[in-house]
Amino acid sequence: MDRAELEQLEEERAREVVGIVDSAILRIMNKRMTRDEALELVAEVRRRVTEIFPGSEGTFDLIYLGRFQRTIAEYVGEE
């Protein structure tokens, strides 16, 4: 693969991650779920993202964990 193909593949993978995260955020916002269910969903999303980008757990936490925490606090609440 040449550089342009690698960059395109990387962009496609990044778009896939954004889609997975956005879909999970919408599920939390629109579906009645318990806090535990929401946290399980976040763990599943994190697992899927690290399959796409191995070794990216820290990056996932830095970029997305706060967004998930805020969404859960607002739409699910504390138990």
PDB file of N, CA and C in Angstrom:
ATOM      1  N   MET A   1       0.834  -1.191   0.000  1.00  0.00           N
ATOM      2  CA  MET A   1       0.000   0.000   0.000  1.00  0.00           C
ATOM      3  C   MET A   1       0.874   1.247   0.000  1.00  0.00           C
ATOM      4  N   ASP A   2       0.461   2.199  -0.772  1.00  0.00           N
ATOM      5  CA  ASP A   2       1.214   3.447  -0.763  1.00  0.00           C
ATOM      6  C   ASP A   2       0.664   4.374   0.325  1.00  0.00           C
ATOM      7  N   ARG A   3       1.321   5.487   0.475  1.00  0.00           N
ATOM      8  CA  ARG A   3       0.976   6.425   1.553  1.00  0.00           C
ATOM      9  C   ARG A   3      -0.466   6.924   1.455  1.00  0.00           C
ATOM     10  N   ALA A   4      -0.919   7.246   0.273  1.00  0.00           N
ATOM     11  CA  ALA A   4      -2.286   7.751   0.087  1.00  0.00           C
ATOM     12  C   ALA A   4      -3.309   6.698   0.491  1.00  0.00           C
ATOM     13  N   GLU A   5      -3.063   5.445   0.144  1.00  0.00           N
ATOM     14  CA  GLU A   5      -3.986   4.366   0.520  1.00  0.00           C
ATOM     15  C   GLU A   5      -4.006   4.165   2.034  1.00  0.00           C
ATOM     16  N   LEU A   6      -2.843   4.242   2.659  1.00  0.00           N
ATOM     17  CA  LEU A   6      -2.770   4.112   4.115  1.00  0.00           C
ATOM     18  C   LEU A   6      -3.519   5.240   4.813  1.00  0.00           C
ATOM     19  N   GLU A   7      -3.361   6.458   4.297  1.00  0.00           N
ATOM     20  CA  GLU A   7      -4.075   7.602   4.876  1.00  0.00           C
ATOM     21  C   GLU A   7      -5.576   7.446   4.704  1.00  0.00           C
ATOM     22  N   GLN A   8      -6.012   6.947   3.542  1.00  0.00           N
ATOM     23  CA  GLN A   8      -7.438   6.741   3.310  1.00  0.00           C
ATOM     24  C   GLN A   8      -7.984   5.673   4.258  1.00  0.00           C
ATOM     25  N   LEU A   9      -7.246   4.600   4.442  1.00  0.00           N
ATOM     26  CA  LEU A   9      -7.660   3.545   5.359  1.00  0.00           C
ATOM     27  C   LEU A   9      -7.774   4.086   6.784  1.00  0.00           C
ATOM     28  N   GLU A  10      -6.810   4.884   7.185  1.00  0.00           N
ATOM     29  CA  GLU A  10      -6.829   5.484   8.525  1.00  0.00           C
ATOM     30  C   GLU A  10      -8.046   6.396   8.699  1.00  0.00           C
ATOM     31  N   GLU A  11      -8.367   7.174   7.688  1.00  0.00           N
ATOM     32  CA  GLU A  11      -9.534   8.056   7.738  1.00  0.00           C
ATOM     33  C   GLU A  11     -10.827   7.252   7.822  1.00  0.00           C
ATOM     34  N   GLU A  12     -10.909   6.157   7.089  1.00  0.00           N
ATOM     35  CA  GLU A  12     -12.094   5.297   7.130  1.00  0.00           C
ATOM     36  C   GLU A  12     -12.260   4.686   8.516  1.00  0.00           C
ATOM     37  N   ARG A  13     -11.177   4.243   9.099  1.00  0.00           N
ATOM     38  CA  ARG A  13     -11.231   3.670  10.450  1.00  0.00           C
ATOM     39  C   ARG A  13     -11.654   4.733  11.458  1.00  0.00           C
ATOM     40  N   ALA A  14     -11.143   5.945  11.318  1.00  0.00           N
ATOM     41  CA  ALA A  14     -11.511   7.031  12.228  1.00  0.00           C
ATOM     42  C   ALA A  14     -12.998   7.361  12.087  1.00  0.00           C
ATOM     43  N   ARG A  15     -13.511   7.385  10.866  1.00  0.00           N
ATOM     44  CA  ARG A  15     -14.941   7.646  10.659  1.00  0.00           C
ATOM     45  C   ARG A  15     -15.789   6.545  11.273  1.00  0.00           C
ATOM     46  N   GLU A  16     -15.313   5.307  11.178  1.00  0.00           N
ATOM     47  CA  GLU A  16     -16.022   4.191  11.790  1.00  0.00           C
ATOM     48  C   GLU A  16     -16.103   4.373  13.306  1.00  0.00           C
ATOM     49  N   VAL A  17     -15.006   4.783  13.911  1.00  0.00           N
ATOM     50  CA  VAL A  17     -14.992   5.023  15.362  1.00  0.00           C
ATOM     51  C   VAL A  17     -15.985   6.123  15.729  1.00  0.00           C
ATOM     52  N   VAL A  18     -15.986   7.215  14.997  1.00  0.00           N
ATOM     53  CA  VAL A  18     -16.918   8.315  15.271  1.00  0.00           C
ATOM     54  C   VAL A  18     -18.351   7.819  15.172  1.00  0.00           C
ATOM     55  N   GLY A  19     -18.641   7.005  14.173  1.00  0.00           N
ATOM     56  CA  GLY A  19     -19.987   6.455  14.023  1.00  0.00           C
ATOM     57  C   GLY A  19     -20.391   5.566  15.183  1.00  0.00           C
ATOM     58  N   ILE A  20     -19.473   4.723  15.631  1.00  0.00           N
ATOM     59  CA  ILE A  20     -19.742   3.834  16.764  1.00  0.00           C
ATOM     60  C   ILE A  20     -20.011   4.655  18.025  1.00  0.00           C
ATOM     61  N   VAL A  21     -19.172   5.642  18.283  1.00  0.00           N
ATOM     62  CA  VAL A  21     -19.324   6.479  19.479  1.00  0.00           C
ATOM     63  C   VAL A  21     -20.623   7.274  19.406  1.00  0.00           C
ATOM     64  N   ASP A  22     -20.888   7.917  18.279  1.00  0.00           N
ATOM     65  CA  ASP A  22     -22.105   8.717  18.146  1.00  0.00           C
ATOM     66  C   ASP A  22     -23.353   7.858  18.313  1.00  0.00           C
ATOM     67  N   SER A  23     -23.336   6.660  17.750  1.00  0.00           N
ATOM     68  CA  SER A  23     -24.467   5.743  17.880  1.00  0.00           C
ATOM     69  C   SER A  23     -24.701   5.366  19.346  1.00  0.00           C
ATOM     70  N   ALA A  24     -23.636   5.094  20.059  1.00  0.00           N
ATOM     71  CA  ALA A  24     -23.763   4.742  21.481  1.00  0.00           C
ATOM     72  C   ALA A  24     -24.285   5.927  22.293  1.00  0.00           C
ATOM     73  N   ILE A  25     -23.805   7.121  22.006  1.00  0.00           N
ATOM     74  CA  ILE A  25     -24.286   8.322  22.700  1.00  0.00           C
ATOM     75  C   ILE A  25     -25.786   8.482  22.472  1.00  0.00           C
ATOM     76  N   LEU A  26     -26.233   8.303  21.238  1.00  0.00           N
ATOM     77  CA  LEU A  26     -27.662   8.426  20.926  1.00  0.00           C
ATOM     78  C   LEU A  26     -28.478   7.356  21.639  1.00  0.00           C
ATOM     79  N   ARG A  27     -27.947   6.146  21.744  1.00  0.00           N
ATOM     80  CA  ARG A  27     -28.662   5.091  22.482  1.00  0.00           C
ATOM     81  C   ARG A  27     -28.831   5.472  23.940  1.00  0.00           C
ATOM     82  N   ILE A  28     -27.786   6.011  24.535  1.00  0.00           N
ATOM     83  CA  ILE A  28     -27.875   6.424  25.941  1.00  0.00           C
ATOM     84  C   ILE A  28     -28.905   7.537  26.093  1.00  0.00           C
ATOM     85  N   MET A  29     -28.921   8.464  25.150  1.00  0.00           N
ATOM     86  CA  MET A  29     -29.838   9.602  25.231  1.00  0.00           C
ATOM     87  C   MET A  29     -31.293   9.196  24.993  1.00  0.00           C
ATOM     88  N   ASN A  30     -31.528   8.212  24.143  1.00  0.00           N
ATOM     89  CA  ASN A  30     -32.891   7.917  23.699  1.00  0.00           C
ATOM     90  C   ASN A  30     -33.505   6.653  24.267  1.00  0.00           C
ATOM     91  N   LYS A  31     -32.720   5.815  24.892  1.00  0.00           N
ATOM     92  CA  LYS A  31     -33.229   4.555  25.417  1.00  0.00           C
ATOM     93  C   LYS A  31     -33.172   4.588  26.936  1.00  0.00           C
ATOM     94  N   ARG A  32     -34.253   4.195  27.533  1.00  0.00           N
ATOM     95  CA  ARG A  32     -34.227   4.094  28.994  1.00  0.00           C
ATOM     96  C   ARG A  32     -33.312   2.934  29.370  1.00  0.00           C
ATOM     97  N   MET A  33     -32.251   3.250  30.071  1.00  0.00           N
ATOM     98  CA  MET A  33     -31.336   2.206  30.514  1.00  0.00           C
ATOM     99  C   MET A  33     -30.809   2.565  31.893  1.00  0.00           C
ATOM    100  N   THR A  34     -30.382   1.536  32.584  1.00  0.00           N
ATOM    101  CA  THR A  34     -29.796   1.763  33.895  1.00  0.00           C
ATOM    102  C   THR A  34     -28.377   2.282  33.719  1.00  0.00           C
ATOM    103  N   ARG A  35     -27.830   2.782  34.787  1.00  0.00           N
ATOM    104  CA  ARG A  35     -26.434   3.239  34.751  1.00  0.00           C
ATOM    105  C   ARG A  35     -25.501   2.083  34.400  1.00  0.00           C
ATOM    106  N   ASP A  36     -25.769   0.905  34.979  1.00  0.00           N
ATOM    107  CA  ASP A  36     -24.934  -0.260  34.680  1.00  0.00           C
ATOM    108  C   ASP A  36     -25.008  -0.636  33.205  1.00  0.00           C
ATOM    109  N   GLU A  37     -26.198  -0.570  32.617  1.00  0.00           N
ATOM    110  CA  GLU A  37     -26.335  -0.859  31.185  1.00  0.00           C
ATOM    111  C   GLU A  37     -25.557   0.149  30.348  1.00  0.00           C
ATOM    112  N   ALA A  38     -25.639   1.420  30.725  1.00  0.00           N
ATOM    113  CA  ALA A  38     -24.910   2.464  29.995  1.00  0.00           C
ATOM    114  C   ALA A  38     -23.406   2.249  30.113  1.00  0.00           C
ATOM    115  N   LEU A  39     -22.940   1.897  31.303  1.00  0.00           N
ATOM    116  CA  LEU A  39     -21.506   1.649  31.492  1.00  0.00           C
ATOM    117  C   LEU A  39     -21.046   0.418  30.722  1.00  0.00           C
ATOM    118  N   GLU A  40     -21.900  -0.603  30.631  1.00  0.00           N
ATOM    119  CA  GLU A  40     -21.576  -1.782  29.831  1.00  0.00           C
ATOM    120  C   GLU A  40     -21.477  -1.402  28.353  1.00  0.00           C
ATOM    121  N   LEU A  41     -22.362  -0.525  27.906  1.00  0.00           N
ATOM    122  CA  LEU A  41     -22.315  -0.062  26.522  1.00  0.00           C
ATOM    123  C   LEU A  41     -21.004   0.682  26.259  1.00  0.00           C
ATOM    124  N   VAL A  42     -20.597   1.530  27.177  1.00  0.00           N
ATOM    125  CA  VAL A  42     -19.335   2.260  27.025  1.00  0.00           C
ATOM    126  C   VAL A  42     -18.167   1.282  26.970  1.00  0.00           C
ATOM    127  N   ALA A  43     -18.184   0.271  27.809  1.00  0.00           N
ATOM    128  CA  ALA A  43     -17.103  -0.729  27.796  1.00  0.00           C
ATOM    129  C   ALA A  43     -17.072  -1.467  26.463  1.00  0.00           C
ATOM    130  N   GLU A  44     -18.235  -1.784  25.915  1.00  0.00           N
ATOM    131  CA  GLU A  44     -18.296  -2.469  24.623  1.00  0.00           C
ATOM    132  C   GLU A  44     -17.774  -1.561  23.507  1.00  0.00           C
ATOM    133  N   VAL A  45     -18.145  -0.297  23.543  1.00  0.00           N
ATOM    134  CA  VAL A  45     -17.645   0.654  22.546  1.00  0.00           C
ATOM    135  C   VAL A  45     -16.129   0.766  22.649  1.00  0.00           C
ATOM    136  N   ARG A  46     -15.626   0.869  23.851  1.00  0.00           N
ATOM    137  CA  ARG A  46     -14.167   0.967  24.067  1.00  0.00           C
ATOM    138  C   ARG A  46     -13.453  -0.259  23.505  1.00  0.00           C
ATOM    139  N   ARG A  47     -14.039  -1.439  23.731  1.00  0.00           N
ATOM    140  CA  ARG A  47     -13.464  -2.683  23.211  1.00  0.00           C
ATOM    141  C   ARG A  47     -13.448  -2.670  21.682  1.00  0.00           C
ATOM    142  N   ARG A  48     -14.561  -2.254  21.076  1.00  0.00           N
ATOM    143  CA  ARG A  48     -14.637  -2.207  19.609  1.00  0.00           C
ATOM    144  C   ARG A  48     -13.632  -1.210  19.027  1.00  0.00           C
ATOM    145  N   VAL A  49     -13.513  -0.065  19.682  1.00  0.00           N
ATOM    146  CA  VAL A  49     -12.577   0.953  19.194  1.00  0.00           C
ATOM    147  C   VAL A  49     -11.138   0.434  19.281  1.00  0.00           C
ATOM    148  N   THR A  50     -10.819  -0.271  20.347  1.00  0.00           N
ATOM    149  CA  THR A  50      -9.451  -0.772  20.470  1.00  0.00           C
ATOM    150  C   THR A  50      -9.189  -1.956  19.539  1.00  0.00           C
ATOM    151  N   GLU A  51     -10.240  -2.586  19.023  1.00  0.00           N
ATOM    152  CA  GLU A  51     -10.048  -3.573  17.960  1.00  0.00           C
ATOM    153  C   GLU A  51      -9.673  -2.868  16.662  1.00  0.00           C
ATOM    154  N   ILE A  52     -10.284  -1.715  16.424  1.00  0.00           N
ATOM    155  CA  ILE A  52     -10.008  -0.945  15.213  1.00  0.00           C
ATOM    156  C   ILE A  52      -8.639  -0.282  15.310  1.00  0.00           C
ATOM    157  N   PHE A  53      -8.339   0.287  16.480  1.00  0.00           N
ATOM    158  CA  PHE A  53      -7.045   0.939  16.738  1.00  0.00           C
ATOM    159  C   PHE A  53      -6.411   0.281  17.964  1.00  0.00           C
ATOM    160  N   PRO A  54      -5.714  -0.842  17.778  1.00  0.00           N
ATOM    161  CA  PRO A  54      -5.100  -1.539  18.916  1.00  0.00           C
ATOM    162  C   PRO A  54      -4.189  -0.612  19.735  1.00  0.00           C
ATOM    163  N   GLY A  55      -4.281  -0.787  21.057  1.00  0.00           N
ATOM    164  CA  GLY A  55      -3.437   0.000  21.954  1.00  0.00           C
ATOM    165  C   GLY A  55      -3.929   1.420  22.182  1.00  0.00           C
ATOM    166  N   SER A  56      -5.179   1.701  21.800  1.00  0.00           N
ATOM    167  CA  SER A  56      -5.686   3.079  21.890  1.00  0.00           C
ATOM    168  C   SER A  56      -6.563   3.334  23.110  1.00  0.00           C
ATOM    169  N   GLU A  57      -6.470   2.489  24.109  1.00  0.00           N
ATOM    170  CA  GLU A  57      -7.320   2.659  25.290  1.00  0.00           C
ATOM    171  C   GLU A  57      -7.153   4.035  25.926  1.00  0.00           C
ATOM    172  N   GLY A  58      -5.929   4.459  26.104  1.00  0.00           N
ATOM    173  CA  GLY A  58      -5.674   5.771  26.709  1.00  0.00           C
ATOM    174  C   GLY A  58      -6.207   6.907  25.862  1.00  0.00           C
ATOM    175  N   THR A  59      -6.057   6.792  24.565  1.00  0.00           N
ATOM    176  CA  THR A  59      -6.575   7.817  23.657  1.00  0.00           C
ATOM    177  C   THR A  59      -8.092   7.842  23.710  1.00  0.00           C
ATOM    178  N   PHE A  60      -8.712   6.660  23.734  1.00  0.00           N
ATOM    179  CA  PHE A  60     -10.178   6.587  23.855  1.00  0.00           C
ATOM    180  C   PHE A  60     -10.622   7.303  25.115  1.00  0.00           C
ATOM    181  N   ASP A  61      -9.970   6.990  26.237  1.00  0.00           N
ATOM    182  CA  ASP A  61     -10.350   7.607  27.510  1.00  0.00           C
ATOM    183  C   ASP A  61     -10.196   9.122  27.447  1.00  0.00           C
ATOM    184  N   LEU A  62      -9.121   9.581  26.874  1.00  0.00           N
ATOM    185  CA  LEU A  62      -8.859  11.010  26.786  1.00  0.00           C
ATOM    186  C   LEU A  62      -9.889  11.729  25.915  1.00  0.00           C
ATOM    187  N   ILE A  63     -10.240  11.132  24.784  1.00  0.00           N
ATOM    188  CA  ILE A  63     -11.117  11.801  23.833  1.00  0.00           C
ATOM    189  C   ILE A  63     -12.595  11.597  24.153  1.00  0.00           C
ATOM    190  N   TYR A  64     -12.989  10.366  24.507  1.00  0.00           N
ATOM    191  CA  TYR A  64     -14.414  10.047  24.581  1.00  0.00           C
ATOM    192  C   TYR A  64     -14.977   9.800  25.970  1.00  0.00           C
ATOM    193  N   LEU A  65     -14.168   9.416  26.934  1.00  0.00           N
ATOM    194  CA  LEU A  65     -14.710   9.021  28.227  1.00  0.00           C
ATOM    195  C   LEU A  65     -15.483  10.149  28.904  1.00  0.00           C
ATOM    196  N   GLY A  66     -14.959  11.360  28.866  1.00  0.00           N
ATOM    197  CA  GLY A  66     -15.668  12.491  29.466  1.00  0.00           C
ATOM    198  C   GLY A  66     -17.011  12.731  28.810  1.00  0.00           C
ATOM    199  N   ARG A  67     -17.069  12.597  27.502  1.00  0.00           N
ATOM    200  CA  ARG A  67     -18.339  12.770  26.781  1.00  0.00           C
ATOM    201  C   ARG A  67     -19.354  11.727  27.239  1.00  0.00           C
ATOM    202  N   PHE A  68     -18.901  10.478  27.357  1.00  0.00           N
ATOM    203  CA  PHE A  68     -19.803   9.432  27.840  1.00  0.00           C
ATOM    204  C   PHE A  68     -20.244   9.710  29.275  1.00  0.00           C
ATOM    205  N   GLN A  69     -19.328  10.118  30.124  1.00  0.00           N
ATOM    206  CA  GLN A  69     -19.678  10.399  31.519  1.00  0.00           C
ATOM    207  C   GLN A  69     -20.717  11.512  31.621  1.00  0.00           C
ATOM    208  N   ARG A  70     -20.541  12.576  30.856  1.00  0.00           N
ATOM    209  CA  ARG A  70     -21.504  13.684  30.865  1.00  0.00           C
ATOM    210  C   ARG A  70     -22.872  13.244  30.351  1.00  0.00           C
ATOM    211  N   THR A  71     -22.868  12.449  29.296  1.00  0.00           N
ATOM    212  CA  THR A  71     -24.127  11.971  28.734  1.00  0.00           C
ATOM    213  C   THR A  71     -24.847  11.060  29.717  1.00  0.00           C
ATOM    214  N   ILE A  72     -24.125  10.171  30.337  1.00  0.00           N
ATOM    215  CA  ILE A  72     -24.731   9.264  31.328  1.00  0.00           C
ATOM    216  C   ILE A  72     -25.277  10.074  32.501  1.00  0.00           C
ATOM    217  N   ALA A  73     -24.525  11.020  32.988  1.00  0.00           N
ATOM    218  CA  ALA A  73     -24.980  11.844  34.120  1.00  0.00           C
ATOM    219  C   ALA A  73     -26.258  12.591  33.765  1.00  0.00           C
ATOM    220  N   GLU A  74     -26.338  13.121  32.549  1.00  0.00           N
ATOM    221  CA  GLU A  74     -27.500  13.912  32.157  1.00  0.00           C
ATOM    222  C   GLU A  74     -28.713  13.053  31.833  1.00  0.00           C
ATOM    223  N   TYR A  75     -28.529  11.942  31.142  1.00  0.00           N
ATOM    224  CA  TYR A  75     -29.676  11.171  30.650  1.00  0.00           C
ATOM    225  C   TYR A  75     -30.015   9.939  31.458  1.00  0.00           C
ATOM    226  N   VAL A  76     -29.066   9.416  32.218  1.00  0.00           N
ATOM    227  CA  VAL A  76     -29.319   8.226  33.018  1.00  0.00           C
ATOM    228  C   VAL A  76     -29.357   8.597  34.494  1.00  0.00           C
ATOM    229  N   GLY A  77     -28.453   9.449  34.905  1.00  0.00           N
ATOM    230  CA  GLY A  77     -28.385   9.882  36.293  1.00  0.00           C
ATOM    231  C   GLY A  77     -27.549   8.944  37.125  1.00  0.00           C
ATOM    232  N   GLU A  78     -27.522   9.239  38.385  1.00  0.00           N
ATOM    233  CA  GLU A  78     -26.760   8.446  39.348  1.00  0.00           C
ATOM    234  C   GLU A  78     -27.696   7.425  39.993  1.00  0.00           C
ATOM    235  N   GLU A  79     -27.143   6.279  40.295  1.00  0.00           N
ATOM    236  CA  GLU A  79     -27.942   5.242  40.994  1.00  0.00           C
ATOM    237  C   GLU A  79     -27.406   5.028  42.373  1.00  0.00           C
TER     238      GLU A  79
END
